């Protein structure tokens, strides 16, 4: 993970209106670089599964994470895997630039 991305946590949190927990989930998914279940992610982050799933839902809603149904042939509930979108760096750059533009525009009204 790039140093620029690490130092941008606060900016990302602000522009996407997401929590520190959401940021932790996002950065862990980036670090892992592979699809994981909410159970696996909650164990890695030492957080409850419900907390992690709420954060994953927010990250899906803002377009940074995707959820895929596992292809296991088991009886019962399907497993879902989460990972960052393949173009997450381009999306972050675009969205943060747009956020900055909106902030600058609102400041010119003062």
N, C-alpha and C. Protein backbone atom coordinates (compact mmCIF):
# COMPACT_ATOMS: atom_id res chain seq x y z
N UNK A 1 0.85 -1.17 0.00
CA UNK A 1 0.00 0.00 0.00
C UNK A 1 0.90 1.24 0.00
N UNK A 2 0.54 2.21 -0.79
CA UNK A 2 1.39 3.39 -0.90
C UNK A 2 1.28 4.28 0.34
N UNK A 3 2.36 5.01 0.61
CA UNK A 3 2.38 5.93 1.75
C UNK A 3 1.35 7.04 1.56
N UNK A 4 1.18 7.47 0.31
CA UNK A 4 0.19 8.52 0.03
C UNK A 4 -1.20 8.07 0.46
N UNK A 5 -1.52 6.83 0.18
CA UNK A 5 -2.84 6.31 0.54
C UNK A 5 -2.99 6.26 2.05
N UNK A 6 -1.94 5.85 2.74
CA UNK A 6 -2.00 5.78 4.20
C UNK A 6 -2.23 7.16 4.81
N UNK A 7 -1.57 8.17 4.27
CA UNK A 7 -1.72 9.51 4.82
C UNK A 7 -3.04 10.15 4.40
N UNK A 8 -3.74 9.54 3.50
CA UNK A 8 -5.01 10.09 3.02
C UNK A 8 -6.22 9.53 3.76
N UNK A 9 -6.02 8.75 4.81
CA UNK A 9 -7.15 8.14 5.53
C UNK A 9 -8.19 9.16 5.94
N UNK A 10 -7.74 10.25 6.52
CA UNK A 10 -8.68 11.27 7.01
C UNK A 10 -9.45 11.91 5.85
N UNK A 11 -8.76 12.15 4.75
CA UNK A 11 -9.40 12.74 3.59
C UNK A 11 -10.44 11.77 3.01
N UNK A 12 -10.08 10.51 2.92
CA UNK A 12 -11.00 9.49 2.40
C UNK A 12 -12.22 9.39 3.31
N UNK A 13 -11.97 9.36 4.62
CA UNK A 13 -13.07 9.27 5.59
C UNK A 13 -14.03 10.45 5.43
N UNK A 14 -13.48 11.64 5.28
CA UNK A 14 -14.29 12.84 5.15
C UNK A 14 -15.09 12.85 3.85
N UNK A 15 -14.44 12.60 2.74
CA UNK A 15 -15.10 12.71 1.44
C UNK A 15 -16.17 11.64 1.22
N UNK A 16 -15.97 10.46 1.76
CA UNK A 16 -16.96 9.40 1.59
C UNK A 16 -17.95 9.34 2.76
N UNK A 17 -17.71 10.17 3.78
CA UNK A 17 -18.57 10.19 4.98
C UNK A 17 -18.66 8.80 5.59
N UNK A 18 -17.51 8.20 5.81
CA UNK A 18 -17.45 6.86 6.40
C UNK A 18 -16.66 6.92 7.71
N UNK A 19 -16.80 5.90 8.52
CA UNK A 19 -16.19 5.88 9.85
C UNK A 19 -14.76 5.35 9.81
N UNK A 20 -14.08 5.49 10.95
CA UNK A 20 -12.73 4.92 11.08
C UNK A 20 -12.77 3.40 10.91
N UNK A 21 -13.83 2.78 11.40
CA UNK A 21 -13.99 1.33 11.23
C UNK A 21 -14.11 0.96 9.76
N UNK A 22 -14.87 1.76 9.02
CA UNK A 22 -15.00 1.52 7.57
C UNK A 22 -13.64 1.64 6.89
N UNK A 23 -12.88 2.64 7.29
CA UNK A 23 -11.53 2.84 6.73
C UNK A 23 -10.64 1.64 7.06
N UNK A 24 -10.73 1.16 8.30
CA UNK A 24 -9.93 -0.01 8.69
C UNK A 24 -10.27 -1.22 7.83
N UNK A 25 -11.55 -1.44 7.57
CA UNK A 25 -11.98 -2.55 6.71
C UNK A 25 -11.45 -2.37 5.29
N UNK A 26 -11.59 -1.16 4.76
CA UNK A 26 -11.12 -0.88 3.40
C UNK A 26 -9.62 -1.13 3.28
N UNK A 27 -8.84 -0.60 4.21
CA UNK A 27 -7.39 -0.74 4.12
C UNK A 27 -6.94 -2.19 4.34
N UNK A 28 -7.67 -2.93 5.15
CA UNK A 28 -7.32 -4.35 5.33
C UNK A 28 -7.60 -5.12 4.04
N UNK A 29 -8.72 -4.81 3.37
CA UNK A 29 -9.02 -5.47 2.09
C UNK A 29 -7.97 -5.12 1.05
N UNK A 30 -7.53 -3.86 1.04
CA UNK A 30 -6.47 -3.46 0.10
C UNK A 30 -5.19 -4.22 0.40
N UNK A 31 -4.85 -4.29 1.67
CA UNK A 31 -3.63 -4.99 2.10
C UNK A 31 -3.67 -6.47 1.73
N UNK A 32 -4.82 -7.11 1.92
CA UNK A 32 -4.95 -8.54 1.63
C UNK A 32 -4.87 -8.82 0.13
N UNK A 33 -5.49 -7.97 -0.66
CA UNK A 33 -5.44 -8.12 -2.12
C UNK A 33 -6.12 -9.36 -2.65
N UNK A 34 -7.06 -9.91 -1.87
CA UNK A 34 -7.80 -11.09 -2.32
C UNK A 34 -9.17 -11.08 -1.66
N UNK A 35 -10.13 -11.79 -2.25
CA UNK A 35 -11.47 -11.85 -1.65
C UNK A 35 -11.46 -12.59 -0.32
N UNK A 36 -12.19 -12.06 0.66
CA UNK A 36 -12.32 -12.71 1.96
C UNK A 36 -13.78 -12.63 2.43
N UNK A 37 -14.14 -13.52 3.33
CA UNK A 37 -15.49 -13.48 3.90
C UNK A 37 -15.51 -12.46 5.04
N UNK A 38 -16.71 -12.09 5.43
CA UNK A 38 -16.84 -11.16 6.56
C UNK A 38 -16.30 -11.79 7.84
N UNK A 39 -16.44 -13.11 7.96
CA UNK A 39 -15.92 -13.81 9.13
C UNK A 39 -14.39 -13.70 9.19
N UNK A 40 -13.75 -13.92 8.05
CA UNK A 40 -12.29 -13.83 7.99
C UNK A 40 -11.82 -12.41 8.31
N UNK A 41 -12.51 -11.44 7.73
CA UNK A 41 -12.13 -10.05 7.95
C UNK A 41 -12.34 -9.64 9.41
N UNK A 42 -13.44 -10.08 9.99
CA UNK A 42 -13.69 -9.73 11.40
C UNK A 42 -12.64 -10.36 12.31
N UNK A 43 -12.19 -11.56 12.01
CA UNK A 43 -11.13 -12.19 12.80
C UNK A 43 -9.81 -11.44 12.66
N UNK A 44 -9.49 -11.02 11.45
CA UNK A 44 -8.24 -10.29 11.21
C UNK A 44 -8.23 -8.93 11.91
N UNK A 45 -9.40 -8.28 11.93
CA UNK A 45 -9.49 -6.94 12.52
C UNK A 45 -9.86 -6.98 14.01
N UNK A 46 -10.15 -8.18 14.49
CA UNK A 46 -10.57 -8.35 15.89
C UNK A 46 -11.79 -7.47 16.20
N UNK A 47 -12.77 -7.56 15.30
CA UNK A 47 -14.04 -6.84 15.45
C UNK A 47 -15.18 -7.84 15.29
N UNK A 48 -16.36 -7.45 15.73
CA UNK A 48 -17.50 -8.35 15.57
C UNK A 48 -17.87 -8.45 14.09
N UNK A 49 -18.45 -9.58 13.74
CA UNK A 49 -18.88 -9.82 12.36
C UNK A 49 -19.92 -8.78 11.94
N UNK A 50 -20.83 -8.42 12.85
CA UNK A 50 -21.86 -7.43 12.55
C UNK A 50 -21.24 -6.07 12.23
N UNK A 51 -20.26 -5.66 13.02
CA UNK A 51 -19.58 -4.38 12.79
C UNK A 51 -18.91 -4.38 11.42
N UNK A 52 -18.21 -5.46 11.11
CA UNK A 52 -17.52 -5.57 9.82
C UNK A 52 -18.53 -5.58 8.68
N UNK A 53 -19.61 -6.32 8.82
CA UNK A 53 -20.62 -6.37 7.75
C UNK A 53 -21.27 -5.01 7.52
N UNK A 54 -21.50 -4.25 8.59
CA UNK A 54 -22.05 -2.89 8.43
C UNK A 54 -21.08 -2.00 7.66
N UNK A 55 -19.80 -2.12 7.98
CA UNK A 55 -18.79 -1.34 7.26
C UNK A 55 -18.69 -1.78 5.80
N UNK A 56 -18.73 -3.07 5.56
CA UNK A 56 -18.66 -3.57 4.18
C UNK A 56 -19.85 -3.06 3.36
N UNK A 57 -21.02 -3.00 3.98
CA UNK A 57 -22.20 -2.49 3.28
C UNK A 57 -21.99 -1.03 2.87
N UNK A 58 -21.45 -0.22 3.77
CA UNK A 58 -21.17 1.18 3.45
C UNK A 58 -20.16 1.29 2.32
N UNK A 59 -19.12 0.45 2.37
CA UNK A 59 -18.08 0.48 1.35
C UNK A 59 -18.62 0.03 -0.01
N UNK A 60 -19.56 -0.89 0.00
CA UNK A 60 -20.22 -1.30 -1.25
C UNK A 60 -21.06 -0.14 -1.77
N UNK A 61 -21.79 0.52 -0.86
CA UNK A 61 -22.66 1.64 -1.25
C UNK A 61 -21.88 2.78 -1.90
N UNK A 62 -20.65 3.04 -1.45
CA UNK A 62 -19.85 4.12 -2.05
C UNK A 62 -19.02 3.64 -3.23
N UNK A 63 -19.12 2.35 -3.56
CA UNK A 63 -18.48 1.82 -4.76
C UNK A 63 -17.02 1.42 -4.63
N UNK A 64 -16.56 1.20 -3.40
CA UNK A 64 -15.16 0.82 -3.21
C UNK A 64 -14.96 -0.68 -3.01
N UNK A 65 -16.02 -1.39 -2.69
CA UNK A 65 -15.94 -2.83 -2.42
C UNK A 65 -17.04 -3.54 -3.19
N UNK A 66 -16.75 -4.75 -3.62
CA UNK A 66 -17.74 -5.59 -4.28
C UNK A 66 -17.93 -6.87 -3.47
N UNK A 67 -19.14 -7.43 -3.58
CA UNK A 67 -19.47 -8.68 -2.89
C UNK A 67 -19.81 -9.72 -3.95
N UNK A 68 -19.17 -10.87 -3.85
CA UNK A 68 -19.40 -11.96 -4.79
C UNK A 68 -19.85 -13.20 -4.02
N UNK A 69 -20.80 -13.90 -4.58
CA UNK A 69 -21.27 -15.15 -3.98
C UNK A 69 -20.26 -16.25 -4.29
N UNK A 70 -19.87 -17.00 -3.25
CA UNK A 70 -18.95 -18.11 -3.44
C UNK A 70 -19.59 -19.22 -4.24
N UNK A 71 -18.77 -20.02 -4.89
CA UNK A 71 -19.31 -21.09 -5.74
C UNK A 71 -19.22 -22.47 -5.08
N UNK A 72 -19.15 -22.47 -3.74
CA UNK A 72 -19.12 -23.76 -3.04
C UNK A 72 -20.46 -24.48 -3.23
N UNK A 73 -20.40 -25.77 -3.32
CA UNK A 73 -21.61 -26.57 -3.52
C UNK A 73 -22.05 -27.18 -2.19
N UNK A 74 -22.40 -26.30 -1.26
CA UNK A 74 -22.81 -26.77 0.06
C UNK A 74 -24.29 -26.49 0.29
N UNK A 75 -24.86 -27.25 1.19
CA UNK A 75 -26.23 -26.99 1.60
C UNK A 75 -26.19 -25.89 2.65
N UNK A 76 -27.19 -25.02 2.64
CA UNK A 76 -27.24 -23.95 3.62
C UNK A 76 -26.99 -22.60 2.98
N UNK A 77 -26.69 -21.65 3.83
CA UNK A 77 -26.47 -20.28 3.36
C UNK A 77 -25.22 -20.20 2.50
N UNK A 78 -25.31 -19.41 1.43
CA UNK A 78 -24.11 -19.24 0.58
C UNK A 78 -23.08 -18.37 1.30
N UNK A 79 -21.82 -18.55 0.95
CA UNK A 79 -20.74 -17.71 1.47
C UNK A 79 -20.56 -16.54 0.51
N UNK A 80 -20.34 -15.38 1.08
CA UNK A 80 -20.07 -14.20 0.27
C UNK A 80 -18.64 -13.73 0.53
N UNK A 81 -18.00 -13.29 -0.53
CA UNK A 81 -16.63 -12.82 -0.47
C UNK A 81 -16.60 -11.34 -0.84
N UNK A 82 -15.74 -10.61 -0.15
CA UNK A 82 -15.62 -9.17 -0.35
C UNK A 82 -14.20 -8.83 -0.78
N UNK A 83 -14.11 -7.86 -1.69
CA UNK A 83 -12.81 -7.36 -2.09
C UNK A 83 -12.97 -5.95 -2.63
N UNK A 84 -11.86 -5.21 -2.67
CA UNK A 84 -11.92 -3.85 -3.22
C UNK A 84 -12.15 -3.96 -4.72
N UNK A 85 -12.77 -2.92 -5.29
CA UNK A 85 -12.99 -2.90 -6.73
C UNK A 85 -11.63 -2.87 -7.42
N UNK A 86 -11.57 -3.42 -8.61
CA UNK A 86 -10.28 -3.57 -9.29
C UNK A 86 -9.62 -2.22 -9.59
N UNK A 87 -10.41 -1.19 -9.80
CA UNK A 87 -9.86 0.13 -10.14
C UNK A 87 -9.95 1.09 -8.96
N UNK A 88 -9.75 0.58 -7.73
CA UNK A 88 -9.97 1.41 -6.55
C UNK A 88 -9.09 2.66 -6.52
N UNK A 89 -7.84 2.57 -7.00
CA UNK A 89 -6.98 3.75 -6.99
C UNK A 89 -7.51 4.84 -7.91
N UNK A 90 -7.97 4.46 -9.09
CA UNK A 90 -8.52 5.45 -10.01
C UNK A 90 -9.81 6.04 -9.43
N UNK A 91 -10.63 5.20 -8.82
CA UNK A 91 -11.88 5.68 -8.23
C UNK A 91 -11.58 6.65 -7.09
N UNK A 92 -10.65 6.29 -6.22
CA UNK A 92 -10.29 7.19 -5.13
C UNK A 92 -9.79 8.53 -5.65
N UNK A 93 -8.89 8.49 -6.63
CA UNK A 93 -8.36 9.74 -7.20
C UNK A 93 -9.48 10.60 -7.77
N UNK A 94 -10.36 9.99 -8.54
CA UNK A 94 -11.48 10.72 -9.15
C UNK A 94 -12.40 11.31 -8.09
N UNK A 95 -12.82 10.47 -7.14
CA UNK A 95 -13.76 10.92 -6.11
C UNK A 95 -13.16 11.98 -5.20
N UNK A 96 -11.90 11.83 -4.83
CA UNK A 96 -11.26 12.82 -3.96
C UNK A 96 -11.04 14.14 -4.69
N UNK A 97 -10.74 14.08 -5.98
CA UNK A 97 -10.62 15.30 -6.77
C UNK A 97 -11.96 16.02 -6.84
N UNK A 98 -13.02 15.26 -7.05
CA UNK A 98 -14.37 15.84 -7.10
C UNK A 98 -14.75 16.43 -5.74
N UNK A 99 -14.42 15.75 -4.68
CA UNK A 99 -14.70 16.24 -3.33
C UNK A 99 -13.95 17.55 -3.08
N UNK A 100 -12.70 17.59 -3.48
CA UNK A 100 -11.89 18.80 -3.32
C UNK A 100 -12.50 19.96 -4.11
N UNK A 101 -12.96 19.67 -5.31
CA UNK A 101 -13.57 20.71 -6.15
C UNK A 101 -14.81 21.28 -5.46
N UNK A 102 -15.63 20.40 -4.86
CA UNK A 102 -16.83 20.85 -4.17
C UNK A 102 -16.49 21.70 -2.96
N UNK A 103 -15.46 21.31 -2.23
CA UNK A 103 -15.04 22.08 -1.05
C UNK A 103 -14.55 23.46 -1.48
N UNK A 104 -13.72 23.51 -2.51
CA UNK A 104 -13.21 24.79 -3.00
C UNK A 104 -14.35 25.68 -3.49
N UNK A 105 -15.30 25.07 -4.18
CA UNK A 105 -16.45 25.82 -4.69
C UNK A 105 -17.27 26.39 -3.54
N UNK A 106 -17.50 25.61 -2.51
CA UNK A 106 -18.29 26.10 -1.37
C UNK A 106 -17.55 27.20 -0.61
N UNK A 107 -16.23 27.12 -0.58
CA UNK A 107 -15.44 28.13 0.12
C UNK A 107 -15.47 29.47 -0.62
N UNK A 108 -15.62 29.44 -1.93
CA UNK A 108 -15.66 30.69 -2.69
C UNK A 108 -16.95 31.46 -2.45
N UNK A 109 -17.95 30.82 -1.85
CA UNK A 109 -19.20 31.50 -1.56
C UNK A 109 -19.14 32.32 -0.27
N UNK A 110 -18.04 32.21 0.48
CA UNK A 110 -17.92 32.96 1.74
C UNK A 110 -17.33 34.32 1.53
